[in-house]
Each structure stands twice: as C-alpha cells, then as structure tokens.
Amino acid sequence: MMEQDVAVAMICFSVLCAPAVLGGFQSKRSLTWCFNALSAVCVGIAYHYSSHPMVYLPMLMLAVTSWLFAVGFAVNQS
C-alpha cells in the first residue's frame, strides 16, 4: 500500500511540475498553476475513490483535460 501512495504522490508532483518546466516559468503562471492544482486534486480524488468507477473515471478524465490546458498555457508564449 505504501508503494501505491508513493506512486500517486510522484504522479501528482510530476503533474504539478511538468507544465512549468515546459513553459520555462515565463508564461501565464496563474492559469498554468490553477489548472495544475485542479489536475492534482482530481488525481487525489480519483485515487481516494478508486473503488467507485462512477467517481474516479470522470475525475481522471478531468485531471487529464486540466493537465492538457496547463501544458497549453505553459507552452503558449503569446
């Protein structure tokens, strides 16, 4: 069980850091970090309710969508 908790923590950490690294810490920081935080919270909720498919599947999809928005805001320099 501890290995699974560590894996989820590493996933949340990489979700939070990847868009900021891609954007070079220069682009729309508030939107990037807002979508990053939303994505990490969704991953945590999905992990907490992993025995309920009607909860964790939408949360995982929302996490992926939020992360893609964060990456988009991080790489878009205009």
PDB file of N, CA and C in Angstrom:
ATOM      1  N   MET A   1       0.818  -1.190   0.000  1.00  0.00           N
ATOM      2  CA  MET A   1       0.000   0.000   0.000  1.00  0.00           C
ATOM      3  C   MET A   1       0.866   1.259   0.000  1.00  0.00           C
ATOM      4  N   MET A   2       1.988   1.211   0.687  1.00  0.00           N
ATOM      5  CA  MET A   2       2.877   2.374   0.736  1.00  0.00           C
ATOM      6  C   MET A   2       3.441   2.695  -0.649  1.00  0.00           C
ATOM      7  N   GLU A   3       3.754   1.643  -1.434  1.00  0.00           N
ATOM      8  CA  GLU A   3       4.286   1.872  -2.776  1.00  0.00           C
ATOM      9  C   GLU A   3       3.262   2.579  -3.653  1.00  0.00           C
ATOM     10  N   GLN A   4       1.999   2.216  -3.487  1.00  0.00           N
ATOM     11  CA  GLN A   4       0.946   2.849  -4.278  1.00  0.00           C
ATOM     12  C   GLN A   4       0.789   4.321  -3.886  1.00  0.00           C
ATOM     13  N   ASP A   5       0.874   4.617  -2.594  1.00  0.00           N
ATOM     14  CA  ASP A   5       0.787   6.012  -2.149  1.00  0.00           C
ATOM     15  C   ASP A   5       1.945   6.837  -2.691  1.00  0.00           C
ATOM     16  N   VAL A   6       3.134   6.252  -2.697  1.00  0.00           N
ATOM     17  CA  VAL A   6       4.307   6.957  -3.225  1.00  0.00           C
ATOM     18  C   VAL A   6       4.147   7.195  -4.721  1.00  0.00           C
ATOM     19  N   ALA A   7       3.615   6.204  -5.436  1.00  0.00           N
ATOM     20  CA  ALA A   7       3.414   6.353  -6.879  1.00  0.00           C
ATOM     21  C   ALA A   7       2.419   7.473  -7.175  1.00  0.00           C
ATOM     22  N   VAL A   8       1.336   7.547  -6.423  1.00  0.00           N
ATOM     23  CA  VAL A   8       0.349   8.606  -6.635  1.00  0.00           C
ATOM     24  C   VAL A   8       0.945   9.965  -6.299  1.00  0.00           C
ATOM     25  N   ALA A   9       1.744  10.033  -5.234  1.00  0.00           N
ATOM     26  CA  ALA A   9       2.396  11.301  -4.885  1.00  0.00           C
ATOM     27  C   ALA A   9       3.365  11.743  -5.975  1.00  0.00           C
ATOM     28  N   MET A  10       4.091  10.807  -6.575  1.00  0.00           N
ATOM     29  CA  MET A  10       5.021  11.150  -7.658  1.00  0.00           C
ATOM     30  C   MET A  10       4.264  11.610  -8.896  1.00  0.00           C
ATOM     31  N   ILE A  11       3.128  10.981  -9.185  1.00  0.00           N
ATOM     32  CA  ILE A  11       2.312  11.404 -10.325  1.00  0.00           C
ATOM     33  C   ILE A  11       1.805  12.826 -10.101  1.00  0.00           C
ATOM     34  N   CYS A  12       1.310  13.116  -8.895  1.00  0.00           N
ATOM     35  CA  CYS A  12       0.824  14.472  -8.596  1.00  0.00           C
ATOM     36  C   CYS A  12       1.952  15.488  -8.697  1.00  0.00           C
ATOM     37  N   PHE A  13       3.136  15.124  -8.227  1.00  0.00           N
ATOM     38  CA  PHE A  13       4.276  16.037  -8.295  1.00  0.00           C
ATOM     39  C   PHE A  13       4.672  16.308  -9.743  1.00  0.00           C
ATOM     40  N   SER A  14       4.704  15.251 -10.569  1.00  0.00           N
ATOM     41  CA  SER A  14       5.075  15.459 -11.971  1.00  0.00           C
ATOM     42  C   SER A  14       4.002  16.242 -12.713  1.00  0.00           C
ATOM     43  N   VAL A  15       2.739  16.038 -12.347  1.00  0.00           N
ATOM     44  CA  VAL A  15       1.651  16.814 -12.948  1.00  0.00           C
ATOM     45  C   VAL A  15       1.815  18.290 -12.620  1.00  0.00           C
ATOM     46  N   LEU A  16       2.232  18.595 -11.390  1.00  0.00           N
ATOM     47  CA  LEU A  16       2.398  19.989 -10.991  1.00  0.00           C
ATOM     48  C   LEU A  16       3.616  20.641 -11.625  1.00  0.00           C
ATOM     49  N   CYS A  17       4.675  19.882 -11.857  1.00  0.00           N
ATOM     50  CA  CYS A  17       5.934  20.487 -12.309  1.00  0.00           C
ATOM     51  C   CYS A  17       6.113  20.520 -13.823  1.00  0.00           C
ATOM     52  N   ALA A  18       5.566  19.563 -14.538  1.00  0.00           N
ATOM     53  CA  ALA A  18       5.850  19.454 -15.968  1.00  0.00           C
ATOM     54  C   ALA A  18       5.469  20.696 -16.775  1.00  0.00           C
ATOM     55  N   PRO A  19       4.265  21.249 -16.652  1.00  0.00           N
ATOM     56  CA  PRO A  19       3.950  22.431 -17.460  1.00  0.00           C
ATOM     57  C   PRO A  19       4.806  23.643 -17.130  1.00  0.00           C
ATOM     58  N   ALA A  20       5.154  23.812 -15.876  1.00  0.00           N
ATOM     59  CA  ALA A  20       6.002  24.947 -15.506  1.00  0.00           C
ATOM     60  C   ALA A  20       7.388  24.807 -16.119  1.00  0.00           C
ATOM     61  N   VAL A  21       7.902  23.597 -16.148  1.00  0.00           N
ATOM     62  CA  VAL A  21       9.213  23.368 -16.762  1.00  0.00           C
ATOM     63  C   VAL A  21       9.128  23.568 -18.271  1.00  0.00           C
ATOM     64  N   LEU A  22       8.044  23.100 -18.886  1.00  0.00           N
ATOM     65  CA  LEU A  22       7.876  23.270 -20.333  1.00  0.00           C
ATOM     66  C   LEU A  22       7.789  24.740 -20.711  1.00  0.00           C
ATOM     67  N   GLY A  23       7.124  25.528 -19.887  1.00  0.00           N
ATOM     68  CA  GLY A  23       6.957  26.944 -20.185  1.00  0.00           C
ATOM     69  C   GLY A  23       8.126  27.794 -19.766  1.00  0.00           C
ATOM     70  N   GLY A  24       9.114  27.217 -19.140  1.00  0.00           N
ATOM     71  CA  GLY A  24      10.276  27.979 -18.715  1.00  0.00           C
ATOM     72  C   GLY A  24       9.950  28.996 -17.638  1.00  0.00           C
ATOM     73  N   PHE A  25       8.885  28.769 -16.879  1.00  0.00           N
ATOM     74  CA  PHE A  25       8.463  29.641 -15.783  1.00  0.00           C
ATOM     75  C   PHE A  25       8.178  31.067 -16.252  1.00  0.00           C
ATOM     76  N   GLN A  26       7.903  31.279 -17.536  1.00  0.00           N
ATOM     77  CA  GLN A  26       7.703  32.626 -18.058  1.00  0.00           C
ATOM     78  C   GLN A  26       6.257  32.905 -18.459  1.00  0.00           C
ATOM     79  N   SER A  27       5.514  31.880 -18.836  1.00  0.00           N
ATOM     80  CA  SER A  27       4.185  32.138 -19.400  1.00  0.00           C
ATOM     81  C   SER A  27       3.134  32.284 -18.308  1.00  0.00           C
ATOM     82  N   LYS A  28       1.926  32.436 -18.708  1.00  0.00           N
ATOM     83  CA  LYS A  28       0.763  32.717 -17.867  1.00  0.00           C
ATOM     84  C   LYS A  28       0.745  31.841 -16.608  1.00  0.00           C
ATOM     85  N   ARG A  29       1.434  32.285 -15.605  1.00  0.00           N
ATOM     86  CA  ARG A  29       1.648  31.464 -14.414  1.00  0.00           C
ATOM     87  C   ARG A  29       0.365  31.140 -13.674  1.00  0.00           C
ATOM     88  N   SER A  30      -0.510  32.099 -13.525  1.00  0.00           N
ATOM     89  CA  SER A  30      -1.704  31.843 -12.714  1.00  0.00           C
ATOM     90  C   SER A  30      -2.593  30.782 -13.354  1.00  0.00           C
ATOM     91  N   LEU A  31      -2.787  30.863 -14.660  1.00  0.00           N
ATOM     92  CA  LEU A  31      -3.598  29.848 -15.336  1.00  0.00           C
ATOM     93  C   LEU A  31      -2.913  28.492 -15.315  1.00  0.00           C
ATOM     94  N   THR A  32      -1.606  28.488 -15.518  1.00  0.00           N
ATOM     95  CA  THR A  32      -0.871  27.226 -15.508  1.00  0.00           C
ATOM     96  C   THR A  32      -0.975  26.558 -14.148  1.00  0.00           C
ATOM     97  N   TRP A  33      -0.714  27.315 -13.085  1.00  0.00           N
ATOM     98  CA  TRP A  33      -0.747  26.721 -11.743  1.00  0.00           C
ATOM     99  C   TRP A  33      -2.169  26.388 -11.311  1.00  0.00           C
ATOM    100  N   CYS A  34      -3.149  27.149 -11.762  1.00  0.00           N
ATOM    101  CA  CYS A  34      -4.540  26.855 -11.427  1.00  0.00           C
ATOM    102  C   CYS A  34      -4.969  25.518 -12.029  1.00  0.00           C
ATOM    103  N   PHE A  35      -4.680  25.326 -13.300  1.00  0.00           N
ATOM    104  CA  PHE A  35      -5.029  24.055 -13.933  1.00  0.00           C
ATOM    105  C   PHE A  35      -4.182  22.912 -13.388  1.00  0.00           C
ATOM    106  N   ASN A  36      -2.932  23.189 -13.017  1.00  0.00           N
ATOM    107  CA  ASN A  36      -2.101  22.161 -12.388  1.00  0.00           C
ATOM    108  C   ASN A  36      -2.693  21.716 -11.065  1.00  0.00           C
ATOM    109  N   ALA A  37      -3.092  22.675 -10.250  1.00  0.00           N
ATOM    110  CA  ALA A  37      -3.666  22.339  -8.942  1.00  0.00           C
ATOM    111  C   ALA A  37      -4.964  21.555  -9.112  1.00  0.00           C
ATOM    112  N   LEU A  38      -5.798  21.984 -10.051  1.00  0.00           N
ATOM    113  CA  LEU A  38      -7.039  21.261 -10.313  1.00  0.00           C
ATOM    114  C   LEU A  38      -6.752  19.830 -10.743  1.00  0.00           C
ATOM    115  N   SER A  39      -5.760  19.661 -11.584  1.00  0.00           N
ATOM    116  CA  SER A  39      -5.401  18.329 -12.049  1.00  0.00           C
ATOM    117  C   SER A  39      -4.892  17.454 -10.908  1.00  0.00           C
ATOM    118  N   ALA A  40      -4.045  18.001 -10.051  1.00  0.00           N
ATOM    119  CA  ALA A  40      -3.522  17.220  -8.924  1.00  0.00           C
ATOM    120  C   ALA A  40      -4.631  16.859  -7.934  1.00  0.00           C
ATOM    121  N   VAL A  41      -5.556  17.782  -7.701  1.00  0.00           N
ATOM    122  CA  VAL A  41      -6.683  17.489  -6.812  1.00  0.00           C
ATOM    123  C   VAL A  41      -7.551  16.387  -7.406  1.00  0.00           C
ATOM    124  N   CYS A  42      -7.768  16.428  -8.706  1.00  0.00           N
ATOM    125  CA  CYS A  42      -8.576  15.392  -9.362  1.00  0.00           C
ATOM    126  C   CYS A  42      -7.907  14.026  -9.286  1.00  0.00           C
ATOM    127  N   VAL A  43      -6.584  13.994  -9.427  1.00  0.00           N
ATOM    128  CA  VAL A  43      -5.866  12.722  -9.292  1.00  0.00           C
ATOM    129  C   VAL A  43      -6.016  12.198  -7.867  1.00  0.00           C
ATOM    130  N   GLY A  44      -5.907  13.074  -6.885  1.00  0.00           N
ATOM    131  CA  GLY A  44      -6.081  12.653  -5.495  1.00  0.00           C
ATOM    132  C   GLY A  44      -7.482  12.140  -5.210  1.00  0.00           C
ATOM    133  N   ILE A  45      -8.495  12.817  -5.745  1.00  0.00           N
ATOM    134  CA  ILE A  45      -9.878  12.365  -5.555  1.00  0.00           C
ATOM    135  C   ILE A  45     -10.092  11.024  -6.238  1.00  0.00           C
ATOM    136  N   ALA A  46      -9.559  10.877  -7.439  1.00  0.00           N
ATOM    137  CA  ALA A  46      -9.709   9.611  -8.156  1.00  0.00           C
ATOM    138  C   ALA A  46      -9.035   8.474  -7.396  1.00  0.00           C
ATOM    139  N   TYR A  47      -7.883   8.749  -6.792  1.00  0.00           N
ATOM    140  CA  TYR A  47      -7.195   7.719  -6.010  1.00  0.00           C
ATOM    141  C   TYR A  47      -7.991   7.384  -4.752  1.00  0.00           C
ATOM    142  N   HIS A  48      -8.556   8.393  -4.114  1.00  0.00           N
ATOM    143  CA  HIS A  48      -9.311   8.163  -2.880  1.00  0.00           C
ATOM    144  C   HIS A  48     -10.564   7.334  -3.142  1.00  0.00           C
ATOM    145  N   TYR A  49     -11.238   7.584  -4.257  1.00  0.00           N
ATOM    146  CA  TYR A  49     -12.455   6.861  -4.599  1.00  0.00           C
ATOM    147  C   TYR A  49     -12.195   5.808  -5.670  1.00  0.00           C
ATOM    148  N   SER A  50     -11.079   5.117  -5.589  1.00  0.00           N
ATOM    149  CA  SER A  50     -10.710   4.176  -6.649  1.00  0.00           C
ATOM    150  C   SER A  50     -11.646   2.974  -6.733  1.00  0.00           C
ATOM    151  N   SER A  51     -12.447   2.723  -5.711  1.00  0.00           N
ATOM    152  CA  SER A  51     -13.371   1.590  -5.774  1.00  0.00           C
ATOM    153  C   SER A  51     -14.730   1.976  -6.360  1.00  0.00           C
ATOM    154  N   HIS A  52     -14.911   3.241  -6.701  1.00  0.00           N
ATOM    155  CA  HIS A  52     -16.180   3.708  -7.269  1.00  0.00           C
ATOM    156  C   HIS A  52     -15.939   4.226  -8.686  1.00  0.00           C
ATOM    157  N   PRO A  53     -16.213   3.402  -9.712  1.00  0.00           N
ATOM    158  CA  PRO A  53     -15.915   3.809 -11.092  1.00  0.00           C
ATOM    159  C   PRO A  53     -16.662   5.058 -11.551  1.00  0.00           C
ATOM    160  N   MET A  54     -17.846   5.317 -10.992  1.00  0.00           N
ATOM    161  CA  MET A  54     -18.601   6.495 -11.411  1.00  0.00           C
ATOM    162  C   MET A  54     -17.990   7.784 -10.867  1.00  0.00           C
ATOM    163  N   VAL A  55     -17.051   7.660  -9.940  1.00  0.00           N
ATOM    164  CA  VAL A  55     -16.364   8.835  -9.406  1.00  0.00           C
ATOM    165  C   VAL A  55     -14.977   8.955 -10.006  1.00  0.00           C
ATOM    166  N   TYR A  56     -14.207   7.856  -9.994  1.00  0.00           N
ATOM    167  CA  TYR A  56     -12.809   8.010 -10.390  1.00  0.00           C
ATOM    168  C   TYR A  56     -12.610   8.159 -11.890  1.00  0.00           C
ATOM    169  N   LEU A  57     -13.473   7.597 -12.712  1.00  0.00           N
ATOM    170  CA  LEU A  57     -13.288   7.768 -14.159  1.00  0.00           C
ATOM    171  C   LEU A  57     -13.493   9.218 -14.604  1.00  0.00           C
ATOM    172  N   PRO A  58     -14.576   9.895 -14.187  1.00  0.00           N
ATOM    173  CA  PRO A  58     -14.686  11.319 -14.556  1.00  0.00           C
ATOM    174  C   PRO A  58     -13.580  12.178 -13.953  1.00  0.00           C
ATOM    175  N   MET A  59     -13.139  11.842 -12.738  1.00  0.00           N
ATOM    176  CA  MET A  59     -12.062  12.619 -12.120  1.00  0.00           C
ATOM    177  C   MET A  59     -10.755  12.454 -12.892  1.00  0.00           C
ATOM    178  N   LEU A  60     -10.469  11.244 -13.349  1.00  0.00           N
ATOM    179  CA  LEU A  60      -9.255  11.041 -14.148  1.00  0.00           C
ATOM    180  C   LEU A  60      -9.339  11.785 -15.473  1.00  0.00           C
ATOM    181  N   MET A  61     -10.514  11.770 -16.098  1.00  0.00           N
ATOM    182  CA  MET A  61     -10.669  12.495 -17.358  1.00  0.00           C
ATOM    183  C   MET A  61     -10.531  14.003 -17.144  1.00  0.00           C
ATOM    184  N   LEU A  62     -11.078  14.515 -16.047  1.00  0.00           N
ATOM    185  CA  LEU A  62     -10.933  15.935 -15.732  1.00  0.00           C
ATOM    186  C   LEU A  62      -9.478  16.277 -15.424  1.00  0.00           C
ATOM    187  N   ALA A  63      -8.775  15.361 -14.765  1.00  0.00           N
ATOM    188  CA  ALA A  63      -7.358  15.589 -14.467  1.00  0.00           C
ATOM    189  C   ALA A  63      -6.542  15.672 -15.751  1.00  0.00           C
ATOM    190  N   VAL A  64      -6.798  14.771 -16.678  1.00  0.00           N
ATOM    191  CA  VAL A  64      -6.059  14.788 -17.947  1.00  0.00           C
ATOM    192  C   VAL A  64      -6.378  16.058 -18.734  1.00  0.00           C
ATOM    193  N   THR A  65      -7.652  16.429 -18.786  1.00  0.00           N
ATOM    194  CA  THR A  65      -8.044  17.642 -19.502  1.00  0.00           C
ATOM    195  C   THR A  65      -7.418  18.887 -18.879  1.00  0.00           C
ATOM    196  N   SER A  66      -7.445  18.975 -17.561  1.00  0.00           N
ATOM    197  CA  SER A  66      -6.846  20.126 -16.882  1.00  0.00           C
ATOM    198  C   SER A  66      -5.351  20.189 -17.125  1.00  0.00           C
ATOM    199  N   TRP A  67      -4.714  19.021 -17.110  1.00  0.00           N
ATOM    200  CA  TRP A  67      -3.273  18.994 -17.342  1.00  0.00           C
ATOM    201  C   TRP A  67      -2.946  19.447 -18.763  1.00  0.00           C
ATOM    202  N   LEU A  68      -3.765  19.045 -19.725  1.00  0.00           N
ATOM    203  CA  LEU A  68      -3.533  19.484 -21.104  1.00  0.00           C
ATOM    204  C   LEU A  68      -3.730  20.993 -21.244  1.00  0.00           C
ATOM    205  N   PHE A  69      -4.718  21.555 -20.561  1.00  0.00           N
ATOM    206  CA  PHE A  69      -4.871  23.013 -20.551  1.00  0.00           C
ATOM    207  C   PHE A  69      -3.646  23.684 -19.940  1.00  0.00           C
ATOM    208  N   ALA A  70      -3.139  23.120 -18.850  1.00  0.00           N
ATOM    209  CA  ALA A  70      -1.964  23.698 -18.196  1.00  0.00           C
ATOM    210  C   ALA A  70      -0.752  23.659 -19.114  1.00  0.00           C
ATOM    211  N   VAL A  71      -0.570  22.546 -19.805  1.00  0.00           N
ATOM    212  CA  VAL A  71       0.542  22.444 -20.754  1.00  0.00           C
ATOM    213  C   VAL A  71       0.353  23.450 -21.881  1.00  0.00           C
ATOM    214  N   GLY A  72      -0.874  23.593 -22.362  1.00  0.00           N
ATOM    215  CA  GLY A  72      -1.141  24.561 -23.422  1.00  0.00           C
ATOM    216  C   GLY A  72      -0.834  25.986 -23.001  1.00  0.00           C
ATOM    217  N   PHE A  73      -1.239  26.359 -21.800  1.00  0.00           N
ATOM    218  CA  PHE A  73      -0.933  27.705 -21.313  1.00  0.00           C
ATOM    219  C   PHE A  73       0.557  27.880 -21.055  1.00  0.00           C
ATOM    220  N   ALA A  74       1.232  26.794 -20.662  1.00  0.00           N
ATOM    221  CA  ALA A  74       2.665  26.898 -20.369  1.00  0.00           C
ATOM    222  C   ALA A  74       3.485  27.086 -21.635  1.00  0.00           C
ATOM    223  N   VAL A  75       3.099  26.395 -22.710  1.00  0.00           N
ATOM    224  CA  VAL A  75       3.907  26.492 -23.930  1.00  0.00           C
ATOM    225  C   VAL A  75       3.521  27.669 -24.806  1.00  0.00           C
ATOM    226  N   ASN A  76       2.303  28.159 -24.667  1.00  0.00           N
ATOM    227  CA  ASN A  76       1.864  29.295 -25.470  1.00  0.00           C
ATOM    228  C   ASN A  76       2.454  30.574 -24.877  1.00  0.00           C
ATOM    229  N   GLN A  77       3.395  31.152 -25.574  1.00  0.00           N
ATOM    230  CA  GLN A  77       4.113  32.314 -25.054  1.00  0.00           C
ATOM    231  C   GLN A  77       3.466  33.639 -25.436  1.00  0.00           C
ATOM    232  N   SER A  78       2.418  33.616 -26.244  1.00  0.00           N
ATOM    233  CA  SER A  78       1.827  34.886 -26.691  1.00  0.00           C
ATOM    234  C   SER A  78       0.845  35.443 -25.698  1.00  0.00           C
TER     235      SER A  78
END
